[in-house]
Amino acid sequence: MEPPQDRVNGLNGRADVVLWPLQNGLLNFVGYDLLPHFNAPGPARADDTTRAAMLDAWALRLREIDRTPKLESHSLEDFDADAGWTRKPRTKGCTLGQTGTG
């Protein structure tokens, strides 16, 4: 479950929206596969039990990383350069910014 500060009305906003320019604009652009973010909010302010649970969750995430579904992203072939780099017809949007949902 996402922490309150990472919700639409939270201090940080939705992490998937905040991180997308880095994930797509940097990592996907140079060929990396994109994975969902891992959230461990405020470990410096967490008590020992909560921090241990965060570390256990991170360890599990790393053990299962090969089975983690990749985030959808577009290739340049999905866009029409002559139309101002807009998605080609029948190309489904895969991000909140492209679909308005999520």
PDB file of N, CA and C in Angstrom:
ATOM      1  N   MET A   1       0.836  -1.184   0.000  1.00  0.00           N
ATOM      2  CA  MET A   1       0.000   0.000   0.000  1.00  0.00           C
ATOM      3  C   MET A   1       0.882   1.249   0.000  1.00  0.00           C
ATOM      4  N   GLU A   2       0.488   2.203  -0.803  1.00  0.00           N
ATOM      5  CA  GLU A   2       1.282   3.428  -0.873  1.00  0.00           C
ATOM      6  C   GLU A   2       1.072   4.279   0.376  1.00  0.00           C
ATOM      7  N   PRO A   3       2.116   4.950   0.814  1.00  0.00           N
ATOM      8  CA  PRO A   3       1.955   5.843   1.968  1.00  0.00           C
ATOM      9  C   PRO A   3       1.114   7.057   1.569  1.00  0.00           C
ATOM     10  N   PRO A   4       0.435   7.676   2.534  1.00  0.00           N
ATOM     11  CA  PRO A   4      -0.442   8.815   2.216  1.00  0.00           C
ATOM     12  C   PRO A   4       0.253   9.936   1.443  1.00  0.00           C
ATOM     13  N   GLN A   5       1.511  10.198   1.744  1.00  0.00           N
ATOM     14  CA  GLN A   5       2.198  11.305   1.072  1.00  0.00           C
ATOM     15  C   GLN A   5       2.434  11.041  -0.412  1.00  0.00           C
ATOM     16  N   ASP A   6       2.273   9.776  -0.862  1.00  0.00           N
ATOM     17  CA  ASP A   6       2.477   9.443  -2.270  1.00  0.00           C
ATOM     18  C   ASP A   6       1.168   9.267  -3.034  1.00  0.00           C
ATOM     19  N   ARG A   7       0.082   9.705  -2.450  1.00  0.00           N
ATOM     20  CA  ARG A   7      -1.211   9.668  -3.132  1.00  0.00           C
ATOM     21  C   ARG A   7      -1.409  10.951  -3.922  1.00  0.00           C
ATOM     22  N   VAL A   8      -2.427  10.977  -4.749  1.00  0.00           N
ATOM     23  CA  VAL A   8      -2.692  12.146  -5.593  1.00  0.00           C
ATOM     24  C   VAL A   8      -2.744  13.430  -4.773  1.00  0.00           C
ATOM     25  N   ASN A   9      -3.345  13.375  -3.595  1.00  0.00           N
ATOM     26  CA  ASN A   9      -3.464  14.583  -2.772  1.00  0.00           C
ATOM     27  C   ASN A   9      -2.370  14.687  -1.713  1.00  0.00           C
ATOM     28  N   GLY A  10      -1.333  13.876  -1.807  1.00  0.00           N
ATOM     29  CA  GLY A  10      -0.261  13.875  -0.824  1.00  0.00           C
ATOM     30  C   GLY A  10       0.853  14.860  -1.146  1.00  0.00           C
ATOM     31  N   LEU A  11       1.739  15.023  -0.211  1.00  0.00           N
ATOM     32  CA  LEU A  11       2.869  15.955  -0.336  1.00  0.00           C
ATOM     33  C   LEU A  11       3.696  15.680  -1.593  1.00  0.00           C
ATOM     34  N   ASN A  12       3.982  14.415  -1.870  1.00  0.00           N
ATOM     35  CA  ASN A  12       4.846  14.057  -3.000  1.00  0.00           C
ATOM     36  C   ASN A  12       4.096  13.823  -4.296  1.00  0.00           C
ATOM     37  N   GLY A  13       2.809  13.506  -4.211  1.00  0.00           N
ATOM     38  CA  GLY A  13       2.075  13.099  -5.407  1.00  0.00           C
ATOM     39  C   GLY A  13       2.375  11.646  -5.721  1.00  0.00           C
ATOM     40  N   ARG A  14       1.770  11.145  -6.769  1.00  0.00           N
ATOM     41  CA  ARG A  14       1.947   9.735  -7.114  1.00  0.00           C
ATOM     42  C   ARG A  14       3.365   9.463  -7.593  1.00  0.00           C
ATOM     43  N   ALA A  15       4.005   8.499  -6.979  1.00  0.00           N
ATOM     44  CA  ALA A  15       5.406   8.200  -7.300  1.00  0.00           C
ATOM     45  C   ALA A  15       5.568   7.768  -8.753  1.00  0.00           C
ATOM     46  N   ASP A  16       4.607   7.001  -9.294  1.00  0.00           N
ATOM     47  CA  ASP A  16       4.747   6.563 -10.677  1.00  0.00           C
ATOM     48  C   ASP A  16       4.742   7.753 -11.641  1.00  0.00           C
ATOM     49  N   VAL A  17       3.975   8.781 -11.319  1.00  0.00           N
ATOM     50  CA  VAL A  17       3.932   9.979 -12.163  1.00  0.00           C
ATOM     51  C   VAL A  17       5.207  10.800 -11.983  1.00  0.00           C
ATOM     52  N   VAL A  18       5.641  10.955 -10.744  1.00  0.00           N
ATOM     53  CA  VAL A  18       6.844  11.731 -10.452  1.00  0.00           C
ATOM     54  C   VAL A  18       8.083  11.092 -11.084  1.00  0.00           C
ATOM     55  N   LEU A  19       8.157   9.765 -11.041  1.00  0.00           N
ATOM     56  CA  LEU A  19       9.348   9.064 -11.533  1.00  0.00           C
ATOM     57  C   LEU A  19       9.358   8.838 -13.040  1.00  0.00           C
ATOM     58  N   TRP A  20       8.197   8.938 -13.696  1.00  0.00           N
ATOM     59  CA  TRP A  20       8.126   8.593 -15.117  1.00  0.00           C
ATOM     60  C   TRP A  20       9.121   9.361 -15.997  1.00  0.00           C
ATOM     61  N   PRO A  21       9.319  10.665 -15.834  1.00  0.00           N
ATOM     62  CA  PRO A  21      10.308  11.338 -16.692  1.00  0.00           C
ATOM     63  C   PRO A  21      11.714  10.744 -16.567  1.00  0.00           C
ATOM     64  N   LEU A  22      12.084  10.301 -15.376  1.00  0.00           N
ATOM     65  CA  LEU A  22      13.403   9.670 -15.206  1.00  0.00           C
ATOM     66  C   LEU A  22      13.415   8.270 -15.809  1.00  0.00           C
ATOM     67  N   GLN A  23      12.356   7.513 -15.523  1.00  0.00           N
ATOM     68  CA  GLN A  23      12.308   6.147 -16.020  1.00  0.00           C
ATOM     69  C   GLN A  23      12.293   6.120 -17.541  1.00  0.00           C
ATOM     70  N   ASN A  24      11.404   6.902 -18.136  1.00  0.00           N
ATOM     71  CA  ASN A  24      11.265   6.872 -19.583  1.00  0.00           C
ATOM     72  C   ASN A  24      12.307   7.735 -20.273  1.00  0.00           C
ATOM     73  N   GLY A  25      12.487   8.958 -19.769  1.00  0.00           N
ATOM     74  CA  GLY A  25      13.375   9.905 -20.438  1.00  0.00           C
ATOM     75  C   GLY A  25      14.849   9.579 -20.322  1.00  0.00           C
ATOM     76  N   LEU A  26      15.230   8.840 -19.287  1.00  0.00           N
ATOM     77  CA  LEU A  26      16.641   8.475 -19.121  1.00  0.00           C
ATOM     78  C   LEU A  26      16.865   6.977 -19.295  1.00  0.00           C
ATOM     79  N   LEU A  27      16.211   6.186 -18.475  1.00  0.00           N
ATOM     80  CA  LEU A  27      16.500   4.744 -18.463  1.00  0.00           C
ATOM     81  C   LEU A  27      15.985   4.026 -19.712  1.00  0.00           C
ATOM     82  N   ASN A  28      14.707   4.228 -20.050  1.00  0.00           N
ATOM     83  CA  ASN A  28      14.167   3.585 -21.238  1.00  0.00           C
ATOM     84  C   ASN A  28      14.872   4.095 -22.495  1.00  0.00           C
ATOM     85  N   PHE A  29      15.178   5.374 -22.525  1.00  0.00           N
ATOM     86  CA  PHE A  29      15.812   5.997 -23.680  1.00  0.00           C
ATOM     87  C   PHE A  29      17.136   5.325 -24.046  1.00  0.00           C
ATOM     88  N   VAL A  30      17.895   4.875 -23.041  1.00  0.00           N
ATOM     89  CA  VAL A  30      19.181   4.230 -23.313  1.00  0.00           C
ATOM     90  C   VAL A  30      19.096   2.707 -23.304  1.00  0.00           C
ATOM     91  N   GLY A  31      17.861   2.169 -23.232  1.00  0.00           N
ATOM     92  CA  GLY A  31      17.693   0.737 -23.439  1.00  0.00           C
ATOM     93  C   GLY A  31      17.420  -0.120 -22.215  1.00  0.00           C
ATOM     94  N   TYR A  32      17.277   0.478 -21.051  1.00  0.00           N
ATOM     95  CA  TYR A  32      16.977  -0.316 -19.858  1.00  0.00           C
ATOM     96  C   TYR A  32      15.512  -0.741 -19.851  1.00  0.00           C
ATOM     97  N   ASP A  33      15.250  -1.922 -19.322  1.00  0.00           N
ATOM     98  CA  ASP A  33      13.885  -2.320 -19.033  1.00  0.00           C
ATOM     99  C   ASP A  33      13.441  -1.559 -17.789  1.00  0.00           C
ATOM    100  N   LEU A  34      12.169  -1.194 -17.746  1.00  0.00           N
ATOM    101  CA  LEU A  34      11.650  -0.426 -16.619  1.00  0.00           C
ATOM    102  C   LEU A  34      10.871  -1.329 -15.688  1.00  0.00           C
ATOM    103  N   LEU A  35      11.135  -1.201 -14.392  1.00  0.00           N
ATOM    104  CA  LEU A  35      10.426  -1.963 -13.369  1.00  0.00           C
ATOM    105  C   LEU A  35       9.664  -1.000 -12.469  1.00  0.00           C
ATOM    106  N   PRO A  36       8.589  -1.471 -11.853  1.00  0.00           N
ATOM    107  CA  PRO A  36       7.884  -0.610 -10.908  1.00  0.00           C
ATOM    108  C   PRO A  36       8.819  -0.166  -9.785  1.00  0.00           C
ATOM    109  N   HIS A  37       8.575   1.030  -9.276  1.00  0.00           N
ATOM    110  CA  HIS A  37       9.432   1.545  -8.205  1.00  0.00           C
ATOM    111  C   HIS A  37       9.209   0.757  -6.915  1.00  0.00           C
ATOM    112  N   PHE A  38      10.202   0.819  -6.048  1.00  0.00           N
ATOM    113  CA  PHE A  38      10.088   0.237  -4.713  1.00  0.00           C
ATOM    114  C   PHE A  38      10.006   1.401  -3.741  1.00  0.00           C
ATOM    115  N   ASN A  39       9.041   1.362  -2.856  1.00  0.00           N
ATOM    116  CA  ASN A  39       8.823   2.473  -1.948  1.00  0.00           C
ATOM    117  C   ASN A  39       9.112   2.051  -0.513  1.00  0.00           C
ATOM    118  N   ALA A  40      10.048   2.731   0.123  1.00  0.00           N
ATOM    119  CA  ALA A  40      10.348   2.536   1.545  1.00  0.00           C
ATOM    120  C   ALA A  40      10.343   3.926   2.178  1.00  0.00           C
ATOM    121  N   PRO A  41       9.151   4.419   2.558  1.00  0.00           N
ATOM    122  CA  PRO A  41       9.046   5.801   3.006  1.00  0.00           C
ATOM    123  C   PRO A  41       9.684   6.066   4.370  1.00  0.00           C
ATOM    124  N   GLY A  42      10.518   7.078   4.423  1.00  0.00           N
ATOM    125  CA  GLY A  42      11.078   7.577   5.676  1.00  0.00           C
ATOM    126  C   GLY A  42      11.828   6.572   6.526  1.00  0.00           C
ATOM    127  N   PRO A  43      12.774   5.801   5.981  1.00  0.00           N
ATOM    128  CA  PRO A  43      13.456   4.812   6.814  1.00  0.00           C
ATOM    129  C   PRO A  43      14.212   5.428   7.990  1.00  0.00           C
ATOM    130  N   ALA A  44      14.699   6.636   7.829  1.00  0.00           N
ATOM    131  CA  ALA A  44      15.424   7.282   8.935  1.00  0.00           C
ATOM    132  C   ALA A  44      14.495   7.624  10.102  1.00  0.00           C
ATOM    133  N   ARG A  45      13.206   7.788   9.819  1.00  0.00           N
ATOM    134  CA  ARG A  45      12.249   8.127  10.873  1.00  0.00           C
ATOM    135  C   ARG A  45      11.447   6.920  11.349  1.00  0.00           C
ATOM    136  N   ALA A  46      11.664   5.768  10.730  1.00  0.00           N
ATOM    137  CA  ALA A  46      10.902   4.566  11.088  1.00  0.00           C
ATOM    138  C   ALA A  46      11.513   3.894  12.319  1.00  0.00           C
ATOM    139  N   ASP A  47      10.667   3.195  13.057  1.00  0.00           N
ATOM    140  CA  ASP A  47      11.194   2.432  14.196  1.00  0.00           C
ATOM    141  C   ASP A  47      11.892   1.176  13.666  1.00  0.00           C
ATOM    142  N   ASP A  48      12.608   0.490  14.540  1.00  0.00           N
ATOM    143  CA  ASP A  48      13.410  -0.660  14.117  1.00  0.00           C
ATOM    144  C   ASP A  48      12.566  -1.756  13.462  1.00  0.00           C
ATOM    145  N   THR A  49      11.381  -2.006  13.972  1.00  0.00           N
ATOM    146  CA  THR A  49      10.515  -3.053  13.423  1.00  0.00           C
ATOM    147  C   THR A  49      10.070  -2.692  12.010  1.00  0.00           C
ATOM    148  N   THR A  50       9.663  -1.455  11.827  1.00  0.00           N
ATOM    149  CA  THR A  50       9.220  -1.001  10.503  1.00  0.00           C
ATOM    150  C   THR A  50      10.372  -1.009   9.514  1.00  0.00           C
ATOM    151  N   ARG A  51      11.530  -0.543   9.964  1.00  0.00           N
ATOM    152  CA  ARG A  51      12.712  -0.529   9.084  1.00  0.00           C
ATOM    153  C   ARG A  51      13.120  -1.944   8.711  1.00  0.00           C
ATOM    154  N   ALA A  52      13.059  -2.886   9.641  1.00  0.00           N
ATOM    155  CA  ALA A  52      13.375  -4.288   9.335  1.00  0.00           C
ATOM    156  C   ALA A  52      12.387  -4.846   8.318  1.00  0.00           C
ATOM    157  N   ALA A  53      11.112  -4.474   8.440  1.00  0.00           N
ATOM    158  CA  ALA A  53      10.110  -4.922   7.473  1.00  0.00           C
ATOM    159  C   ALA A  53      10.403  -4.355   6.082  1.00  0.00           C
ATOM    160  N   MET A  54      10.858  -3.101   6.026  1.00  0.00           N
ATOM    161  CA  MET A  54      11.238  -2.502   4.736  1.00  0.00           C
ATOM    162  C   MET A  54      12.395  -3.269   4.109  1.00  0.00           C
ATOM    163  N   LEU A  55      13.391  -3.606   4.915  1.00  0.00           N
ATOM    164  CA  LEU A  55      14.546  -4.348   4.406  1.00  0.00           C
ATOM    165  C   LEU A  55      14.147  -5.750   3.950  1.00  0.00           C
ATOM    166  N   ASP A  56      13.248  -6.390   4.685  1.00  0.00           N
ATOM    167  CA  ASP A  56      12.748  -7.709   4.272  1.00  0.00           C
ATOM    168  C   ASP A  56      12.003  -7.608   2.945  1.00  0.00           C
ATOM    169  N   ALA A  57      11.187  -6.570   2.798  1.00  0.00           N
ATOM    170  CA  ALA A  57      10.449  -6.379   1.545  1.00  0.00           C
ATOM    171  C   ALA A  57      11.411  -6.119   0.382  1.00  0.00           C
ATOM    172  N   TRP A  58      12.464  -5.346   0.631  1.00  0.00           N
ATOM    173  CA  TRP A  58      13.474  -5.074  -0.403  1.00  0.00           C
ATOM    174  C   TRP A  58      14.210  -6.360  -0.780  1.00  0.00           C
ATOM    175  N   ALA A  59      14.567  -7.162   0.207  1.00  0.00           N
ATOM    176  CA  ALA A  59      15.249  -8.429  -0.067  1.00  0.00           C
ATOM    177  C   ALA A  59      14.360  -9.337  -0.912  1.00  0.00           C
ATOM    178  N   LEU A  60      13.072  -9.394  -0.586  1.00  0.00           N
ATOM    179  CA  LEU A  60      12.133 -10.194  -1.378  1.00  0.00           C
ATOM    180  C   LEU A  60      12.044  -9.655  -2.798  1.00  0.00           C
ATOM    181  N   ARG A  61      11.966  -8.347  -2.945  1.00  0.00           N
ATOM    182  CA  ARG A  61      11.904  -7.730  -4.274  1.00  0.00           C
ATOM    183  C   ARG A  61      13.123  -8.121  -5.107  1.00  0.00           C
ATOM    184  N   LEU A  62      14.300  -8.102  -4.494  1.00  0.00           N
ATOM    185  CA  LEU A  62      15.513  -8.463  -5.222  1.00  0.00           C
ATOM    186  C   LEU A  62      15.535  -9.942  -5.590  1.00  0.00           C
ATOM    187  N   ARG A  63      15.054 -10.793  -4.685  1.00  0.00           N
ATOM    188  CA  ARG A  63      15.004 -12.227  -4.994  1.00  0.00           C
ATOM    189  C   ARG A  63      14.056 -12.515  -6.153  1.00  0.00           C
ATOM    190  N   GLU A  64      13.015 -11.724  -6.295  1.00  0.00           N
ATOM    191  CA  GLU A  64      12.001 -11.963  -7.321  1.00  0.00           C
ATOM    192  C   GLU A  64      12.123 -11.033  -8.518  1.00  0.00           C
ATOM    193  N   ILE A  65      13.229 -10.335  -8.629  1.00  0.00           N
ATOM    194  CA  ILE A  65      13.342  -9.292  -9.651  1.00  0.00           C
ATOM    195  C   ILE A  65      13.201  -9.838 -11.075  1.00  0.00           C
ATOM    196  N   ASP A  66      13.641 -11.069 -11.301  1.00  0.00           N
ATOM    197  CA  ASP A  66      13.517 -11.644 -12.643  1.00  0.00           C
ATOM    198  C   ASP A  66      12.073 -11.962 -13.005  1.00  0.00           C
ATOM    199  N   ARG A  67      11.207 -12.040 -12.005  1.00  0.00           N
ATOM    200  CA  ARG A  67       9.793 -12.328 -12.249  1.00  0.00           C
ATOM    201  C   ARG A  67       8.922 -11.075 -12.130  1.00  0.00           C
ATOM    202  N   THR A  68       9.542  -9.941 -11.889  1.00  0.00           N
ATOM    203  CA  THR A  68       8.795  -8.694 -11.748  1.00  0.00           C
ATOM    204  C   THR A  68       8.335  -8.222 -13.126  1.00  0.00           C
ATOM    205  N   PRO A  69       7.030  -8.022 -13.315  1.00  0.00           N
ATOM    206  CA  PRO A  69       6.557  -7.536 -14.616  1.00  0.00           C
ATOM    207  C   PRO A  69       7.135  -6.160 -14.933  1.00  0.00           C
ATOM    208  N   LYS A  70       7.577  -5.999 -16.163  1.00  0.00           N
ATOM    209  CA  LYS A  70       8.153  -4.724 -16.598  1.00  0.00           C
ATOM    210  C   LYS A  70       7.037  -3.706 -16.833  1.00  0.00           C
ATOM    211  N   LEU A  71       7.373  -2.443 -16.657  1.00  0.00           N
ATOM    212  CA  LEU A  71       6.440  -1.373 -16.979  1.00  0.00           C
ATOM    213  C   LEU A  71       6.322  -1.260 -18.495  1.00  0.00           C
ATOM    214  N   GLU A  72       5.133  -0.927 -18.951  1.00  0.00           N
ATOM    215  CA  GLU A  72       4.964  -0.697 -20.384  1.00  0.00           C
ATOM    216  C   GLU A  72       5.615   0.624 -20.756  1.00  0.00           C
ATOM    217  N   SER A  73       6.183   0.665 -21.932  1.00  0.00           N
ATOM    218  CA  SER A  73       6.727   1.915 -22.457  1.00  0.00           C
ATOM    219  C   SER A  73       6.648   1.847 -23.972  1.00  0.00           C
ATOM    220  N   HIS A  74       6.748   2.992 -24.586  1.00  0.00           N
ATOM    221  CA  HIS A  74       6.661   3.075 -26.040  1.00  0.00           C
ATOM    222  C   HIS A  74       8.040   3.134 -26.671  1.00  0.00           C
ATOM    223  N   SER A  75       8.116   2.659 -27.894  1.00  0.00           N
ATOM    224  CA  SER A  75       9.318   2.883 -28.694  1.00  0.00           C
ATOM    225  C   SER A  75       9.016   4.052 -29.635  1.00  0.00           C
ATOM    226  N   LEU A  76      10.022   4.599 -30.241  1.00  0.00           N
ATOM    227  CA  LEU A  76       9.819   5.718 -31.162  1.00  0.00           C
ATOM    228  C   LEU A  76       8.928   5.338 -32.339  1.00  0.00           C
ATOM    229  N   GLU A  77       8.910   4.055 -32.686  1.00  0.00           N
ATOM    230  CA  GLU A  77       8.072   3.602 -33.797  1.00  0.00           C
ATOM    231  C   GLU A  77       6.583   3.781 -33.511  1.00  0.00           C
ATOM    232  N   ASP A  78       6.224   3.980 -32.236  1.00  0.00           N
ATOM    233  CA  ASP A  78       4.822   4.187 -31.861  1.00  0.00           C
ATOM    234  C   ASP A  78       4.359   5.621 -32.115  1.00  0.00           C
ATOM    235  N   PHE A  79       5.255   6.507 -32.523  1.00  0.00           N
ATOM    236  CA  PHE A  79       4.937   7.921 -32.686  1.00  0.00           C
ATOM    237  C   PHE A  79       5.176   8.367 -34.117  1.00  0.00           C
ATOM    238  N   ASP A  80       4.449   9.388 -34.514  1.00  0.00           N
ATOM    239  CA  ASP A  80       4.534   9.932 -35.872  1.00  0.00           C
ATOM    240  C   ASP A  80       5.310  11.252 -35.822  1.00  0.00           C
ATOM    241  N   ALA A  81       6.517  11.230 -36.346  1.00  0.00           N
ATOM    242  CA  ALA A  81       7.360  12.434 -36.335  1.00  0.00           C
ATOM    243  C   ALA A  81       6.727  13.560 -37.139  1.00  0.00           C
ATOM    244  N   ASP A  82       6.056  13.216 -38.236  1.00  0.00           N
ATOM    245  CA  ASP A  82       5.437  14.243 -39.086  1.00  0.00           C
ATOM    246  C   ASP A  82       4.229  14.901 -38.422  1.00  0.00           C
ATOM    247  N   ALA A  83       3.705  14.273 -37.384  1.00  0.00           N
ATOM    248  CA  ALA A  83       2.544  14.824 -36.670  1.00  0.00           C
ATOM    249  C   ALA A  83       2.963  15.379 -35.313  1.00  0.00           C
ATOM    250  N   GLY A  84       4.204  15.805 -35.195  1.00  0.00           N
ATOM    251  CA  GLY A  84       4.680  16.420 -33.955  1.00  0.00           C
ATOM    252  C   GLY A  84       4.952  15.409 -32.850  1.00  0.00           C
ATOM    253  N   TRP A  85       5.366  14.217 -33.238  1.00  0.00           N
ATOM    254  CA  TRP A  85       5.686  13.150 -32.283  1.00  0.00           C
ATOM    255  C   TRP A  85       4.482  12.782 -31.409  1.00  0.00           C
ATOM    256  N   THR A  86       3.342  12.660 -32.047  1.00  0.00           N
ATOM    257  CA  THR A  86       2.150  12.174 -31.360  1.00  0.00           C
ATOM    258  C   THR A  86       1.995  10.685 -31.643  1.00  0.00           C
ATOM    259  N   ARG A  87       1.286  10.003 -30.732  1.00  0.00           N
ATOM    260  CA  ARG A  87       1.090   8.558 -30.904  1.00  0.00           C
ATOM    261  C   ARG A  87       0.357   8.275 -32.200  1.00  0.00           C
ATOM    262  N   LYS A  88       0.783   7.242 -32.879  1.00  0.00           N
ATOM    263  CA  LYS A  88       0.105   6.815 -34.098  1.00  0.00           C
ATOM    264  C   LYS A  88      -1.280   6.282 -33.741  1.00  0.00           C
ATOM    265  N   PRO A  89      -2.214   6.382 -34.682  1.00  0.00           N
ATOM    266  CA  PRO A  89      -3.548   5.826 -34.430  1.00  0.00           C
ATOM    267  C   PRO A  89      -3.452   4.355 -34.016  1.00  0.00           C
ATOM    268  N   ARG A  90      -4.335   3.964 -33.153  1.00  0.00           N
ATOM    269  CA  ARG A  90      -4.431   2.583 -32.643  1.00  0.00           C
ATOM    270  C   ARG A  90      -3.245   2.191 -31.755  1.00  0.00           C
ATOM    271  N   THR A  91      -2.414   3.164 -31.363  1.00  0.00           N
ATOM    272  CA  THR A  91      -1.358   2.889 -30.396  1.00  0.00           C
ATOM    273  C   THR A  91      -1.889   3.284 -29.028  1.00  0.00           C
ATOM    274  N   LYS A  92      -2.027   2.318 -28.147  1.00  0.00           N
ATOM    275  CA  LYS A  92      -2.599   2.537 -26.818  1.00  0.00           C
ATOM    276  C   LYS A  92      -1.611   3.295 -25.930  1.00  0.00           C
ATOM    277  N   GLY A  93      -2.116   4.288 -25.205  1.00  0.00           N
ATOM    278  CA  GLY A  93      -1.291   4.981 -24.224  1.00  0.00           C
ATOM    279  C   GLY A  93      -0.960   4.043 -23.079  1.00  0.00           C
ATOM    280  N   CYS A  94       0.223   4.161 -22.524  1.00  0.00           N
ATOM    281  CA  CYS A  94       0.606   3.228 -21.459  1.00  0.00           C
ATOM    282  C   CYS A  94       0.980   3.939 -20.159  1.00  0.00           C
ATOM    283  N   THR A  95       0.841   5.249 -20.120  1.00  0.00           N
ATOM    284  CA  THR A  95       1.156   5.976 -18.897  1.00  0.00           C
ATOM    285  C   THR A  95      -0.043   6.787 -18.454  1.00  0.00           C
ATOM    286  N   LEU A  96      -0.057   7.182 -17.201  1.00  0.00           N
ATOM    287  CA  LEU A  96      -1.134   8.016 -16.682  1.00  0.00           C
ATOM    288  C   LEU A  96      -1.260   9.295 -17.506  1.00  0.00           C
ATOM    289  N   GLY A  97      -0.138   9.873 -17.871  1.00  0.00           N
ATOM    290  CA  GLY A  97      -0.162  11.100 -18.657  1.00  0.00           C
ATOM    291  C   GLY A  97      -0.743  10.913 -20.045  1.00  0.00           C
ATOM    292  N   GLN A  98      -0.702   9.696 -20.578  1.00  0.00           N
ATOM    293  CA  GLN A  98      -1.235   9.435 -21.912  1.00  0.00           C
ATOM    294  C   GLN A  98      -2.668   8.918 -21.878  1.00  0.00           C
ATOM    295  N   THR A  99      -3.092   8.370 -20.746  1.00  0.00           N
ATOM    296  CA  THR A  99      -4.429   7.791 -20.686  1.00  0.00           C
ATOM    297  C   THR A  99      -5.374   8.564 -19.790  1.00  0.00           C
ATOM    298  N   GLY A 100      -4.835   9.313 -18.815  1.00  0.00           N
ATOM    299  CA  GLY A 100      -5.658  10.036 -17.870  1.00  0.00           C
ATOM    300  C   GLY A 100      -6.306   9.129 -16.819  1.00  0.00           C
ATOM    301  N   THR A 101      -5.905   7.870 -16.798  1.00  0.00           N
ATOM    302  CA  THR A 101      -6.446   6.926 -15.817  1.00  0.00           C
ATOM    303  C   THR A 101      -5.296   6.273 -15.080  1.00  0.00           C
ATOM    304  N   GLY A 102      -5.630   5.520 -14.085  1.00  0.00           N
ATOM    305  CA  GLY A 102      -4.589   4.765 -13.397  1.00  0.00           C
ATOM    306  C   GLY A 102      -4.627   5.035 -11.958  1.00  0.00           C
TER     307      GLY A 102
END
